[in-house]
């Protein structure tokens, strides 16, 4: 059972902070900020090669993942099209979920990474660390009135696919070798054009066509 804190008591991204129970543990789900830099660096130290490869599709060194530019791309800043949530256990960061708003459309891309020792807690229908983070990302997307969110996995990742399907993402393969995939969750269907407006547009178009034909005949 999730122990949600009142969202209205905070401003900006901080309103998405909450506390959740997970298998006898209590996690603090907190939007990441510059003040979490030390925990974010320690988190990168705990990621093994397999986790990094599954998340990024390539091996990225710890030094790069602890660089200022890399860390800044994962914490919330005013004006950025990004929301990033961290899962903390007793003050230690054990998972990060981020959602990046795509330019020009009402859509975003989500990404998750969980420390190796805390992966797989969501088996048998239970909600794990990744599930808790994904719930917050989807909640953020809904409150931002986005129409859909997507997720990409650069290599075969059955655990990731199961998690996304659990939250009603539709999985599709998009690489030639079918080793890379994408997932999409539709949040809102684009509003259809009202019938009356559609009829007016059609009538205007027909009127323009008729007028152009008359001009050509007169010429």
N, C-alpha and C. Protein backbone atom coordinates (compact mmCIF):
# COMPACT_ATOMS: atom_id res chain seq x y z
N UNK A 1 0.85 -1.19 0.00
CA UNK A 1 0.00 0.00 0.00
C UNK A 1 0.88 1.24 0.00
N UNK A 2 0.64 2.14 -0.91
CA UNK A 2 1.46 3.33 -1.04
C UNK A 2 1.04 4.37 -0.02
N UNK A 3 2.04 5.00 0.58
CA UNK A 3 1.79 6.05 1.57
C UNK A 3 2.05 7.38 0.90
N UNK A 4 1.06 7.89 0.20
CA UNK A 4 1.24 9.12 -0.56
C UNK A 4 1.21 10.34 0.34
N UNK A 5 2.11 11.28 0.09
CA UNK A 5 2.09 12.55 0.78
C UNK A 5 1.22 13.52 -0.01
N UNK A 6 0.64 14.54 0.65
CA UNK A 6 -0.20 15.51 -0.08
C UNK A 6 0.61 16.20 -1.17
N UNK A 7 0.11 16.12 -2.40
CA UNK A 7 0.84 16.73 -3.51
C UNK A 7 0.70 18.25 -3.52
N UNK A 8 -0.41 18.76 -2.99
CA UNK A 8 -0.66 20.19 -3.06
C UNK A 8 0.22 21.00 -2.12
N UNK A 9 0.93 20.33 -1.21
CA UNK A 9 1.70 21.05 -0.21
C UNK A 9 3.03 21.55 -0.75
N UNK A 10 3.37 21.21 -1.99
CA UNK A 10 4.65 21.60 -2.56
C UNK A 10 4.47 22.21 -3.93
N UNK A 11 5.49 22.92 -4.37
CA UNK A 11 5.41 23.59 -5.65
C UNK A 11 6.33 22.91 -6.65
N UNK A 12 6.03 23.09 -7.94
CA UNK A 12 6.88 22.56 -8.99
C UNK A 12 7.01 21.06 -8.93
N UNK A 13 8.18 20.56 -9.29
CA UNK A 13 8.39 19.11 -9.33
C UNK A 13 8.41 18.49 -7.94
N UNK A 14 8.65 19.31 -6.90
CA UNK A 14 8.75 18.74 -5.55
C UNK A 14 7.43 18.14 -5.07
N UNK A 15 6.35 18.51 -5.70
CA UNK A 15 5.05 17.98 -5.27
C UNK A 15 4.92 16.48 -5.56
N UNK A 16 5.83 15.93 -6.36
CA UNK A 16 5.75 14.51 -6.69
C UNK A 16 6.49 13.63 -5.69
N UNK A 17 7.07 14.22 -4.65
CA UNK A 17 7.71 13.42 -3.62
C UNK A 17 6.68 12.62 -2.83
N UNK A 18 7.01 11.40 -2.51
CA UNK A 18 6.10 10.56 -1.73
C UNK A 18 6.89 9.46 -1.03
N UNK A 19 6.22 8.71 -0.19
CA UNK A 19 6.81 7.58 0.51
C UNK A 19 6.00 6.34 0.17
N UNK A 20 6.70 5.21 -0.04
CA UNK A 20 6.01 3.99 -0.44
C UNK A 20 6.61 2.79 0.28
N UNK A 21 5.74 1.82 0.61
CA UNK A 21 6.18 0.57 1.24
C UNK A 21 6.46 -0.45 0.15
N UNK A 22 7.57 -1.19 0.31
CA UNK A 22 7.96 -2.19 -0.68
C UNK A 22 8.61 -3.36 0.02
N UNK A 23 7.88 -4.47 0.12
CA UNK A 23 8.43 -5.70 0.70
C UNK A 23 9.07 -5.51 2.06
N UNK A 24 8.40 -4.81 2.94
CA UNK A 24 8.93 -4.57 4.27
C UNK A 24 9.89 -3.39 4.36
N UNK A 25 10.20 -2.78 3.22
CA UNK A 25 11.05 -1.60 3.20
C UNK A 25 10.19 -0.36 2.97
N UNK A 26 10.71 0.76 3.38
CA UNK A 26 10.04 2.04 3.13
C UNK A 26 10.96 2.88 2.24
N UNK A 27 10.47 3.21 1.06
CA UNK A 27 11.24 4.00 0.11
C UNK A 27 10.74 5.43 0.08
N UNK A 28 11.67 6.35 -0.08
CA UNK A 28 11.34 7.74 -0.34
C UNK A 28 11.53 8.00 -1.82
N UNK A 29 10.47 8.37 -2.48
CA UNK A 29 10.51 8.70 -3.91
C UNK A 29 10.57 10.22 -4.01
N UNK A 30 11.71 10.71 -4.46
CA UNK A 30 12.01 12.14 -4.35
C UNK A 30 12.52 12.66 -5.70
N UNK A 31 11.99 13.79 -6.19
CA UNK A 31 12.55 14.39 -7.40
C UNK A 31 14.02 14.75 -7.21
N UNK A 32 14.85 14.38 -8.16
CA UNK A 32 16.29 14.61 -8.05
C UNK A 32 16.64 16.07 -8.28
N UNK A 33 17.59 16.55 -7.49
CA UNK A 33 18.06 17.94 -7.57
C UNK A 33 19.57 17.94 -7.38
N UNK A 34 20.22 19.10 -7.60
CA UNK A 34 21.68 19.17 -7.40
C UNK A 34 22.13 18.73 -6.01
N UNK A 35 21.28 18.88 -5.01
CA UNK A 35 21.66 18.49 -3.66
C UNK A 35 21.85 16.97 -3.52
N UNK A 36 21.37 16.22 -4.50
CA UNK A 36 21.50 14.76 -4.47
C UNK A 36 22.73 14.28 -5.24
N UNK A 37 23.63 15.17 -5.58
CA UNK A 37 24.77 14.79 -6.43
C UNK A 37 25.58 13.65 -5.82
N UNK A 38 25.89 13.72 -4.54
CA UNK A 38 26.71 12.67 -3.93
C UNK A 38 26.01 11.33 -4.02
N UNK A 39 24.71 11.28 -3.71
CA UNK A 39 23.98 10.01 -3.82
C UNK A 39 23.94 9.50 -5.26
N UNK A 40 23.83 10.44 -6.23
CA UNK A 40 23.80 10.03 -7.63
C UNK A 40 25.15 9.46 -8.07
N UNK A 41 26.24 10.03 -7.58
CA UNK A 41 27.56 9.49 -7.90
C UNK A 41 27.74 8.10 -7.29
N UNK A 42 27.31 7.92 -6.05
CA UNK A 42 27.41 6.61 -5.41
C UNK A 42 26.55 5.57 -6.13
N UNK A 43 25.41 6.01 -6.62
CA UNK A 43 24.53 5.12 -7.37
C UNK A 43 25.23 4.62 -8.63
N UNK A 44 25.91 5.52 -9.34
CA UNK A 44 26.62 5.11 -10.55
C UNK A 44 27.74 4.12 -10.23
N UNK A 45 28.35 4.27 -9.05
CA UNK A 45 29.40 3.33 -8.64
C UNK A 45 28.84 1.92 -8.44
N UNK A 46 27.57 1.81 -8.05
CA UNK A 46 26.99 0.50 -7.74
C UNK A 46 26.46 -0.23 -8.97
N UNK A 47 26.32 0.47 -10.10
CA UNK A 47 25.80 -0.18 -11.29
C UNK A 47 26.85 -1.10 -11.90
N UNK A 48 26.45 -2.33 -12.20
CA UNK A 48 27.38 -3.25 -12.83
C UNK A 48 27.31 -3.12 -14.36
N UNK A 49 28.23 -3.81 -15.04
CA UNK A 49 28.32 -3.69 -16.50
C UNK A 49 27.03 -4.12 -17.18
N UNK A 50 26.41 -5.19 -16.66
CA UNK A 50 25.17 -5.68 -17.26
C UNK A 50 24.05 -4.68 -17.19
N UNK A 51 23.89 -4.03 -16.05
CA UNK A 51 22.83 -3.03 -15.87
C UNK A 51 23.05 -1.84 -16.79
N UNK A 52 24.28 -1.38 -16.88
CA UNK A 52 24.59 -0.23 -17.75
C UNK A 52 24.32 -0.59 -19.21
N UNK A 53 24.69 -1.80 -19.59
CA UNK A 53 24.47 -2.21 -20.98
C UNK A 53 22.99 -2.33 -21.31
N UNK A 54 22.21 -2.90 -20.40
CA UNK A 54 20.78 -3.03 -20.65
C UNK A 54 20.10 -1.67 -20.72
N UNK A 55 20.57 -0.72 -19.93
CA UNK A 55 19.95 0.60 -19.92
C UNK A 55 20.33 1.42 -21.15
N UNK A 56 21.61 1.37 -21.55
CA UNK A 56 22.08 2.28 -22.60
C UNK A 56 22.41 1.58 -23.91
N UNK A 57 22.51 0.27 -23.91
CA UNK A 57 22.84 -0.45 -25.13
C UNK A 57 24.32 -0.47 -25.44
N UNK A 58 25.12 0.26 -24.68
CA UNK A 58 26.57 0.30 -24.81
C UNK A 58 27.16 0.38 -23.42
N UNK A 59 28.47 0.14 -23.32
CA UNK A 59 29.13 0.31 -22.03
C UNK A 59 29.57 1.76 -21.90
N UNK A 60 29.11 2.43 -20.85
CA UNK A 60 29.49 3.81 -20.55
C UNK A 60 30.26 3.79 -19.24
N UNK A 61 31.45 4.33 -19.23
CA UNK A 61 32.31 4.25 -18.05
C UNK A 61 31.71 4.98 -16.86
N UNK A 62 32.13 4.56 -15.68
CA UNK A 62 31.67 5.21 -14.45
C UNK A 62 32.10 6.67 -14.42
N UNK A 63 33.29 6.97 -14.92
CA UNK A 63 33.77 8.35 -14.93
C UNK A 63 32.84 9.27 -15.72
N UNK A 64 32.40 8.79 -16.86
CA UNK A 64 31.47 9.58 -17.68
C UNK A 64 30.14 9.73 -16.97
N UNK A 65 29.65 8.64 -16.38
CA UNK A 65 28.34 8.68 -15.72
C UNK A 65 28.36 9.52 -14.43
N UNK A 66 29.53 9.84 -13.93
CA UNK A 66 29.64 10.69 -12.74
C UNK A 66 30.05 12.12 -13.10
N UNK A 67 30.16 12.41 -14.39
CA UNK A 67 30.54 13.75 -14.81
C UNK A 67 29.40 14.73 -14.55
N UNK A 68 29.75 16.00 -14.46
CA UNK A 68 28.75 17.03 -14.19
C UNK A 68 27.68 17.07 -15.27
N UNK A 69 28.10 16.99 -16.53
CA UNK A 69 27.14 17.05 -17.63
C UNK A 69 26.14 15.89 -17.56
N UNK A 70 26.65 14.70 -17.25
CA UNK A 70 25.77 13.52 -17.18
C UNK A 70 24.78 13.67 -16.02
N UNK A 71 25.26 14.06 -14.86
CA UNK A 71 24.39 14.18 -13.69
C UNK A 71 23.36 15.29 -13.89
N UNK A 72 23.78 16.39 -14.49
CA UNK A 72 22.84 17.49 -14.72
C UNK A 72 21.70 17.07 -15.63
N UNK A 73 21.97 16.13 -16.53
CA UNK A 73 20.92 15.66 -17.44
C UNK A 73 19.88 14.81 -16.73
N UNK A 74 20.11 14.49 -15.44
CA UNK A 74 19.19 13.62 -14.70
C UNK A 74 18.54 14.30 -13.50
N UNK A 75 18.89 15.56 -13.24
CA UNK A 75 18.18 16.21 -12.13
C UNK A 75 17.31 17.35 -12.66
N UNK A 76 16.29 17.68 -11.89
CA UNK A 76 15.28 18.64 -12.31
C UNK A 76 15.83 20.06 -12.21
N UNK A 77 15.53 20.83 -13.27
CA UNK A 77 15.91 22.23 -13.30
C UNK A 77 14.77 23.03 -13.92
N UNK A 78 14.60 24.25 -13.47
CA UNK A 78 13.54 25.11 -13.99
C UNK A 78 13.71 25.29 -15.50
N UNK A 79 12.60 25.14 -16.21
CA UNK A 79 12.61 25.38 -17.64
C UNK A 79 12.98 24.20 -18.50
N UNK A 80 13.47 23.11 -17.89
CA UNK A 80 13.83 21.93 -18.66
C UNK A 80 12.60 21.06 -18.93
N UNK A 81 12.60 20.40 -20.08
CA UNK A 81 11.52 19.46 -20.39
C UNK A 81 11.84 18.09 -19.84
N UNK A 82 12.11 18.05 -18.54
CA UNK A 82 12.53 16.82 -17.89
C UNK A 82 11.94 16.72 -16.49
N UNK A 83 11.52 15.52 -16.14
CA UNK A 83 11.18 15.22 -14.74
C UNK A 83 11.92 13.95 -14.37
N UNK A 84 12.66 14.00 -13.28
CA UNK A 84 13.47 12.85 -12.87
C UNK A 84 13.21 12.55 -11.40
N UNK A 85 12.89 11.29 -11.12
CA UNK A 85 12.53 10.84 -9.78
C UNK A 85 13.54 9.81 -9.28
N UNK A 86 13.96 9.96 -8.03
CA UNK A 86 14.88 9.00 -7.43
C UNK A 86 14.20 8.18 -6.35
N UNK A 87 14.56 6.90 -6.25
CA UNK A 87 14.07 6.03 -5.18
C UNK A 87 15.19 5.89 -4.15
N UNK A 88 14.91 6.28 -2.91
CA UNK A 88 15.92 6.27 -1.85
C UNK A 88 15.51 5.28 -0.76
N UNK A 89 16.49 4.52 -0.31
CA UNK A 89 16.30 3.60 0.82
C UNK A 89 17.31 3.99 1.89
N UNK A 90 16.80 4.46 3.02
CA UNK A 90 17.66 4.91 4.12
C UNK A 90 18.71 5.92 3.64
N UNK A 91 18.28 6.79 2.73
CA UNK A 91 19.18 7.83 2.25
C UNK A 91 20.05 7.45 1.08
N UNK A 92 20.03 6.16 0.68
CA UNK A 92 20.84 5.70 -0.44
C UNK A 92 19.96 5.62 -1.70
N UNK A 93 20.47 6.17 -2.78
CA UNK A 93 19.74 6.14 -4.04
C UNK A 93 19.85 4.74 -4.65
N UNK A 94 18.70 4.13 -4.96
CA UNK A 94 18.71 2.77 -5.50
C UNK A 94 18.03 2.68 -6.87
N UNK A 95 17.47 3.77 -7.36
CA UNK A 95 16.83 3.74 -8.67
C UNK A 95 16.52 5.14 -9.17
N UNK A 96 16.54 5.29 -10.48
CA UNK A 96 16.23 6.58 -11.10
C UNK A 96 15.25 6.36 -12.24
N UNK A 97 14.22 7.18 -12.28
CA UNK A 97 13.26 7.19 -13.39
C UNK A 97 13.18 8.59 -13.96
N UNK A 98 13.28 8.71 -15.28
CA UNK A 98 13.26 10.03 -15.92
C UNK A 98 12.28 10.03 -17.06
N UNK A 99 11.67 11.19 -17.31
CA UNK A 99 10.78 11.36 -18.44
C UNK A 99 11.16 12.66 -19.13
N UNK A 100 11.40 12.56 -20.45
CA UNK A 100 11.88 13.68 -21.24
C UNK A 100 10.78 14.11 -22.21
N UNK A 101 10.34 15.35 -22.11
CA UNK A 101 9.32 15.88 -23.01
C UNK A 101 9.91 16.03 -24.41
N UNK A 102 9.22 15.50 -25.42
CA UNK A 102 9.68 15.59 -26.80
C UNK A 102 9.24 16.91 -27.41
N UNK A 103 10.10 17.58 -28.15
CA UNK A 103 9.75 18.90 -28.70
C UNK A 103 8.68 18.81 -29.77
N UNK A 104 7.77 19.75 -29.73
CA UNK A 104 6.78 19.88 -30.79
C UNK A 104 5.57 18.97 -30.71
N UNK A 105 5.54 18.04 -29.77
CA UNK A 105 4.41 17.12 -29.65
C UNK A 105 4.06 16.95 -28.17
N UNK A 106 2.87 16.45 -27.92
CA UNK A 106 2.46 16.19 -26.54
C UNK A 106 2.84 14.76 -26.16
N UNK A 107 4.13 14.53 -26.12
CA UNK A 107 4.63 13.18 -25.87
C UNK A 107 5.95 13.27 -25.13
N UNK A 108 6.36 12.16 -24.56
CA UNK A 108 7.62 12.12 -23.79
C UNK A 108 8.20 10.72 -23.84
N UNK A 109 9.48 10.63 -23.51
CA UNK A 109 10.18 9.35 -23.44
C UNK A 109 10.57 9.05 -22.00
N UNK A 110 10.31 7.84 -21.55
CA UNK A 110 10.64 7.46 -20.17
C UNK A 110 11.84 6.53 -20.16
N UNK A 111 12.59 6.57 -19.06
CA UNK A 111 13.76 5.70 -18.90
C UNK A 111 13.91 5.35 -17.43
N UNK A 112 14.32 4.10 -17.17
CA UNK A 112 14.47 3.60 -15.79
C UNK A 112 15.80 2.88 -15.64
N UNK A 113 16.38 2.98 -14.47
CA UNK A 113 17.54 2.15 -14.12
C UNK A 113 17.51 1.91 -12.62
N UNK A 114 17.70 0.66 -12.21
CA UNK A 114 17.63 0.26 -10.81
C UNK A 114 18.93 -0.45 -10.44
N UNK A 115 19.44 -0.18 -9.24
CA UNK A 115 20.66 -0.84 -8.77
C UNK A 115 20.49 -2.35 -8.81
N UNK A 116 21.53 -3.08 -9.19
CA UNK A 116 21.41 -4.53 -9.41
C UNK A 116 20.80 -5.29 -8.24
N UNK A 117 21.17 -4.97 -7.01
CA UNK A 117 20.70 -5.74 -5.86
C UNK A 117 19.22 -5.51 -5.56
N UNK A 118 18.60 -4.51 -6.23
CA UNK A 118 17.19 -4.23 -5.99
C UNK A 118 16.33 -4.50 -7.21
N UNK A 119 16.90 -5.16 -8.20
CA UNK A 119 16.13 -5.54 -9.37
C UNK A 119 15.34 -6.83 -9.10
N UNK A 120 14.21 -6.97 -9.75
CA UNK A 120 13.43 -8.20 -9.63
C UNK A 120 12.51 -8.28 -8.44
N UNK A 121 12.33 -7.17 -7.71
CA UNK A 121 11.43 -7.20 -6.55
C UNK A 121 9.96 -7.16 -6.97
N UNK A 122 9.71 -6.91 -8.25
CA UNK A 122 8.33 -6.80 -8.71
C UNK A 122 7.79 -8.07 -9.33
N UNK A 123 8.33 -9.21 -8.95
CA UNK A 123 7.84 -10.47 -9.51
C UNK A 123 6.53 -10.89 -8.87
N UNK A 124 5.84 -11.81 -9.55
CA UNK A 124 4.58 -12.39 -9.03
C UNK A 124 3.54 -11.31 -8.78
N UNK A 125 3.53 -10.29 -9.63
CA UNK A 125 2.49 -9.27 -9.54
C UNK A 125 2.77 -8.14 -8.58
N UNK A 126 3.83 -8.25 -7.78
CA UNK A 126 4.14 -7.18 -6.83
C UNK A 126 4.76 -5.99 -7.57
N UNK A 127 4.72 -4.83 -6.94
CA UNK A 127 5.31 -3.63 -7.52
C UNK A 127 6.73 -3.48 -7.00
N UNK A 128 7.69 -3.43 -7.91
CA UNK A 128 9.09 -3.27 -7.53
C UNK A 128 9.53 -1.83 -7.61
N UNK A 129 10.83 -1.62 -7.49
CA UNK A 129 11.37 -0.26 -7.53
C UNK A 129 11.08 0.39 -8.88
N UNK A 130 11.32 -0.35 -9.97
CA UNK A 130 11.04 0.19 -11.29
C UNK A 130 9.58 0.53 -11.48
N UNK A 131 8.69 -0.32 -10.94
CA UNK A 131 7.26 -0.06 -11.05
C UNK A 131 6.84 1.20 -10.32
N UNK A 132 7.39 1.40 -9.12
CA UNK A 132 7.07 2.61 -8.36
C UNK A 132 7.51 3.87 -9.12
N UNK A 133 8.71 3.81 -9.69
CA UNK A 133 9.20 4.96 -10.44
C UNK A 133 8.36 5.19 -11.69
N UNK A 134 8.00 4.10 -12.37
CA UNK A 134 7.20 4.23 -13.59
C UNK A 134 5.83 4.82 -13.28
N UNK A 135 5.24 4.43 -12.15
CA UNK A 135 3.96 5.00 -11.74
C UNK A 135 4.06 6.52 -11.64
N UNK A 136 5.15 7.01 -11.05
CA UNK A 136 5.31 8.46 -10.88
C UNK A 136 5.53 9.15 -12.22
N UNK A 137 6.27 8.51 -13.12
CA UNK A 137 6.49 9.12 -14.43
C UNK A 137 5.19 9.22 -15.21
N UNK A 138 4.38 8.18 -15.16
CA UNK A 138 3.10 8.20 -15.86
C UNK A 138 2.17 9.22 -15.22
N UNK A 139 2.19 9.30 -13.90
CA UNK A 139 1.36 10.30 -13.21
C UNK A 139 1.76 11.71 -13.63
N UNK A 140 3.06 11.96 -13.73
CA UNK A 140 3.55 13.25 -14.18
C UNK A 140 3.06 13.53 -15.61
N UNK A 141 3.17 12.53 -16.49
CA UNK A 141 2.75 12.70 -17.87
C UNK A 141 1.26 13.03 -17.98
N UNK A 142 0.46 12.36 -17.16
CA UNK A 142 -0.98 12.63 -17.18
C UNK A 142 -1.28 14.05 -16.70
N UNK A 143 -0.60 14.48 -15.66
CA UNK A 143 -0.86 15.82 -15.13
C UNK A 143 -0.33 16.90 -16.08
N UNK A 144 0.63 16.53 -16.92
CA UNK A 144 1.10 17.46 -17.95
C UNK A 144 0.23 17.40 -19.21
N UNK A 145 -0.81 16.56 -19.17
CA UNK A 145 -1.76 16.40 -20.27
C UNK A 145 -1.08 15.94 -21.56
N UNK A 146 -0.08 15.05 -21.40
CA UNK A 146 0.55 14.47 -22.57
C UNK A 146 -0.36 13.40 -23.17
N UNK A 147 -0.18 13.15 -24.45
CA UNK A 147 -1.04 12.19 -25.14
C UNK A 147 -0.45 10.78 -25.15
N UNK A 148 0.87 10.67 -25.15
CA UNK A 148 1.48 9.34 -25.07
C UNK A 148 2.90 9.45 -24.56
N UNK A 149 3.40 8.33 -24.05
CA UNK A 149 4.79 8.23 -23.63
C UNK A 149 5.39 6.98 -24.28
N UNK A 150 6.67 7.04 -24.54
CA UNK A 150 7.35 5.92 -25.17
C UNK A 150 8.54 5.50 -24.31
N UNK A 151 8.99 4.28 -24.52
CA UNK A 151 10.20 3.78 -23.87
C UNK A 151 10.96 2.97 -24.91
N UNK A 152 12.27 3.05 -24.87
CA UNK A 152 13.11 2.31 -25.81
C UNK A 152 14.10 1.45 -25.03
N UNK A 153 14.35 0.25 -25.51
CA UNK A 153 15.37 -0.60 -24.93
C UNK A 153 16.27 -1.05 -26.05
N UNK A 154 17.56 -0.77 -25.88
CA UNK A 154 18.52 -0.94 -26.96
C UNK A 154 18.93 -2.39 -27.17
N UNK A 155 18.71 -3.24 -26.18
CA UNK A 155 19.04 -4.66 -26.29
C UNK A 155 17.88 -5.46 -25.72
N UNK A 156 17.87 -6.74 -26.01
CA UNK A 156 16.80 -7.59 -25.49
C UNK A 156 16.76 -7.53 -23.97
N UNK A 157 15.60 -7.21 -23.43
CA UNK A 157 15.46 -7.03 -21.99
C UNK A 157 14.08 -7.52 -21.55
N UNK A 158 13.92 -8.84 -21.38
CA UNK A 158 12.61 -9.41 -21.03
C UNK A 158 12.02 -8.81 -19.76
N UNK A 159 12.84 -8.55 -18.75
CA UNK A 159 12.33 -7.98 -17.50
C UNK A 159 11.71 -6.62 -17.75
N UNK A 160 12.40 -5.79 -18.56
CA UNK A 160 11.86 -4.47 -18.89
C UNK A 160 10.55 -4.59 -19.65
N UNK A 161 10.50 -5.54 -20.59
CA UNK A 161 9.28 -5.73 -21.36
C UNK A 161 8.12 -6.13 -20.46
N UNK A 162 8.35 -7.04 -19.52
CA UNK A 162 7.29 -7.46 -18.60
C UNK A 162 6.78 -6.28 -17.78
N UNK A 163 7.70 -5.45 -17.33
CA UNK A 163 7.31 -4.28 -16.53
C UNK A 163 6.45 -3.34 -17.35
N UNK A 164 6.86 -3.06 -18.58
CA UNK A 164 6.12 -2.13 -19.41
C UNK A 164 4.73 -2.69 -19.76
N UNK A 165 4.67 -3.99 -20.04
CA UNK A 165 3.37 -4.59 -20.34
C UNK A 165 2.44 -4.54 -19.12
N UNK A 166 3.01 -4.69 -17.96
CA UNK A 166 2.22 -4.62 -16.73
C UNK A 166 1.53 -3.29 -16.60
N UNK A 167 2.18 -2.23 -17.09
CA UNK A 167 1.60 -0.89 -17.02
C UNK A 167 0.97 -0.48 -18.35
N UNK A 168 0.59 -1.50 -19.15
CA UNK A 168 -0.22 -1.35 -20.36
C UNK A 168 0.49 -0.65 -21.51
N UNK A 169 1.82 -0.73 -21.52
CA UNK A 169 2.55 -0.28 -22.70
C UNK A 169 2.43 -1.35 -23.78
N UNK A 170 2.34 -0.91 -25.02
CA UNK A 170 2.33 -1.83 -26.15
C UNK A 170 3.75 -1.95 -26.68
N UNK A 171 4.28 -3.18 -26.74
CA UNK A 171 5.65 -3.44 -27.15
C UNK A 171 5.69 -3.70 -28.65
N UNK A 172 6.66 -3.11 -29.32
CA UNK A 172 6.86 -3.38 -30.74
C UNK A 172 8.35 -3.44 -31.04
N UNK A 173 8.72 -4.31 -31.96
CA UNK A 173 10.11 -4.43 -32.36
C UNK A 173 10.36 -3.48 -33.52
N UNK A 174 11.49 -2.80 -33.50
CA UNK A 174 11.74 -1.82 -34.55
C UNK A 174 13.11 -1.95 -35.20
N UNK A 175 13.91 -2.91 -34.79
CA UNK A 175 15.21 -3.07 -35.44
C UNK A 175 15.15 -4.22 -36.44
N UNK A 176 16.08 -4.21 -37.37
CA UNK A 176 16.12 -5.25 -38.40
C UNK A 176 16.34 -6.62 -37.76
N UNK A 177 17.19 -6.69 -36.75
CA UNK A 177 17.49 -7.96 -36.10
C UNK A 177 16.53 -8.26 -34.94
N UNK A 178 15.57 -7.38 -34.75
CA UNK A 178 14.58 -7.55 -33.68
C UNK A 178 15.25 -7.69 -32.30
N UNK A 179 16.33 -6.97 -32.11
CA UNK A 179 17.00 -6.96 -30.82
C UNK A 179 16.80 -5.64 -30.10
N UNK A 180 16.18 -4.71 -30.78
CA UNK A 180 15.88 -3.43 -30.17
C UNK A 180 14.38 -3.24 -30.22
N UNK A 181 13.85 -2.58 -29.23
CA UNK A 181 12.41 -2.47 -29.19
C UNK A 181 11.95 -1.13 -28.67
N UNK A 182 10.68 -0.87 -28.83
CA UNK A 182 10.06 0.33 -28.30
C UNK A 182 8.74 -0.05 -27.67
N UNK A 183 8.27 0.79 -26.81
CA UNK A 183 6.99 0.58 -26.15
C UNK A 183 6.26 1.91 -26.08
N UNK A 184 4.95 1.86 -26.19
CA UNK A 184 4.16 3.09 -26.21
C UNK A 184 2.93 2.94 -25.32
N UNK A 185 2.66 3.96 -24.54
CA UNK A 185 1.47 4.00 -23.71
C UNK A 185 0.67 5.23 -24.12
N UNK A 186 -0.53 5.00 -24.63
CA UNK A 186 -1.41 6.10 -25.04
C UNK A 186 -2.18 6.59 -23.82
N UNK A 187 -2.03 7.86 -23.51
CA UNK A 187 -2.69 8.45 -22.34
C UNK A 187 -3.97 9.16 -22.73
N UNK A 188 -3.93 9.84 -23.86
CA UNK A 188 -5.10 10.59 -24.33
C UNK A 188 -5.15 10.50 -25.84
N UNK A 189 -6.31 10.20 -26.36
CA UNK A 189 -6.48 10.22 -27.80
C UNK A 189 -6.65 11.67 -28.26
N UNK A 190 -6.05 12.05 -29.38
CA UNK A 190 -6.27 13.42 -29.88
C UNK A 190 -7.75 13.68 -30.07
N UNK A 191 -8.19 14.85 -29.69
CA UNK A 191 -9.61 15.19 -29.78
C UNK A 191 -10.03 15.22 -31.24
N UNK A 192 -11.10 14.47 -31.59
CA UNK A 192 -11.58 14.49 -32.97
C UNK A 192 -12.22 15.83 -33.30
N UNK A 193 -12.17 16.18 -34.57
CA UNK A 193 -12.82 17.42 -34.99
C UNK A 193 -14.33 17.24 -34.86
N UNK A 194 -15.03 18.15 -34.17
CA UNK A 194 -16.49 18.03 -34.03
C UNK A 194 -17.16 17.92 -35.39
N UNK A 195 -18.27 17.18 -35.44
CA UNK A 195 -18.96 16.94 -36.71
C UNK A 195 -19.34 18.25 -37.40
N UNK A 196 -19.88 19.19 -36.63
CA UNK A 196 -20.32 20.44 -37.23
C UNK A 196 -19.13 21.19 -37.84
N UNK A 197 -18.01 21.20 -37.12
CA UNK A 197 -16.83 21.89 -37.63
C UNK A 197 -16.31 21.19 -38.88
N UNK A 198 -16.33 19.86 -38.85
CA UNK A 198 -15.89 19.09 -40.03
C UNK A 198 -16.76 19.41 -41.24
N UNK A 199 -18.06 19.48 -41.03
CA UNK A 199 -18.97 19.79 -42.13
C UNK A 199 -18.72 21.19 -42.67
N UNK A 200 -18.45 22.14 -41.77
CA UNK A 200 -18.18 23.51 -42.22
C UNK A 200 -16.91 23.56 -43.06
N UNK A 201 -15.87 22.83 -42.60
CA UNK A 201 -14.62 22.79 -43.35
C UNK A 201 -14.83 22.19 -44.73
N UNK A 202 -15.62 21.09 -44.78
CA UNK A 202 -15.90 20.45 -46.06
C UNK A 202 -16.67 21.38 -46.97
N UNK A 203 -17.68 22.07 -46.41
CA UNK A 203 -18.46 23.01 -47.21
C UNK A 203 -17.62 24.15 -47.74
N UNK A 204 -16.72 24.67 -46.91
CA UNK A 204 -15.83 25.76 -47.35
C UNK A 204 -14.93 25.28 -48.48
N UNK A 205 -14.41 24.05 -48.35
CA UNK A 205 -13.53 23.51 -49.38
C UNK A 205 -14.26 23.36 -50.71
N UNK A 206 -15.48 22.85 -50.65
CA UNK A 206 -16.27 22.68 -51.87
C UNK A 206 -16.56 24.03 -52.50
N UNK A 207 -16.90 25.02 -51.66
CA UNK A 207 -17.19 26.35 -52.17
C UNK A 207 -15.98 26.95 -52.88
N UNK A 208 -14.79 26.73 -52.32
CA UNK A 208 -13.56 27.25 -52.93
C UNK A 208 -13.31 26.59 -54.28
N UNK A 209 -13.52 25.27 -54.34
CA UNK A 209 -13.33 24.54 -55.60
C UNK A 209 -14.27 25.06 -56.68
N UNK A 210 -15.55 25.26 -56.31
CA UNK A 210 -16.55 25.74 -57.27
C UNK A 210 -16.18 27.15 -57.75
N UNK A 211 -15.75 28.00 -56.81
CA UNK A 211 -15.39 29.37 -57.18
C UNK A 211 -14.19 29.38 -58.13
N UNK A 212 -13.22 28.53 -57.89
CA UNK A 212 -12.05 28.47 -58.77
C UNK A 212 -12.42 27.99 -60.16
N UNK A 213 -13.35 27.04 -60.24
CA UNK A 213 -13.78 26.55 -61.54
C UNK A 213 -14.48 27.65 -62.31
N UNK A 214 -15.31 28.43 -61.63
CA UNK A 214 -16.02 29.53 -62.30
C UNK A 214 -15.05 30.56 -62.84
N UNK A 215 -14.00 30.84 -62.05
CA UNK A 215 -13.01 31.82 -62.50
C UNK A 215 -12.30 31.34 -63.76
N UNK A 216 -11.96 30.03 -63.78
CA UNK A 216 -11.29 29.50 -64.95
C UNK A 216 -12.18 29.55 -66.19
N UNK A 217 -13.50 29.29 -66.02
CA UNK A 217 -14.43 29.34 -67.14
C UNK A 217 -14.57 30.75 -67.67
N UNK A 218 -14.65 31.71 -66.76
CA UNK A 218 -14.81 33.10 -67.16
C UNK A 218 -13.57 33.61 -67.87
N UNK A 219 -12.42 33.06 -67.47
CA UNK A 219 -11.17 33.48 -68.10
C UNK A 219 -11.09 32.94 -69.53
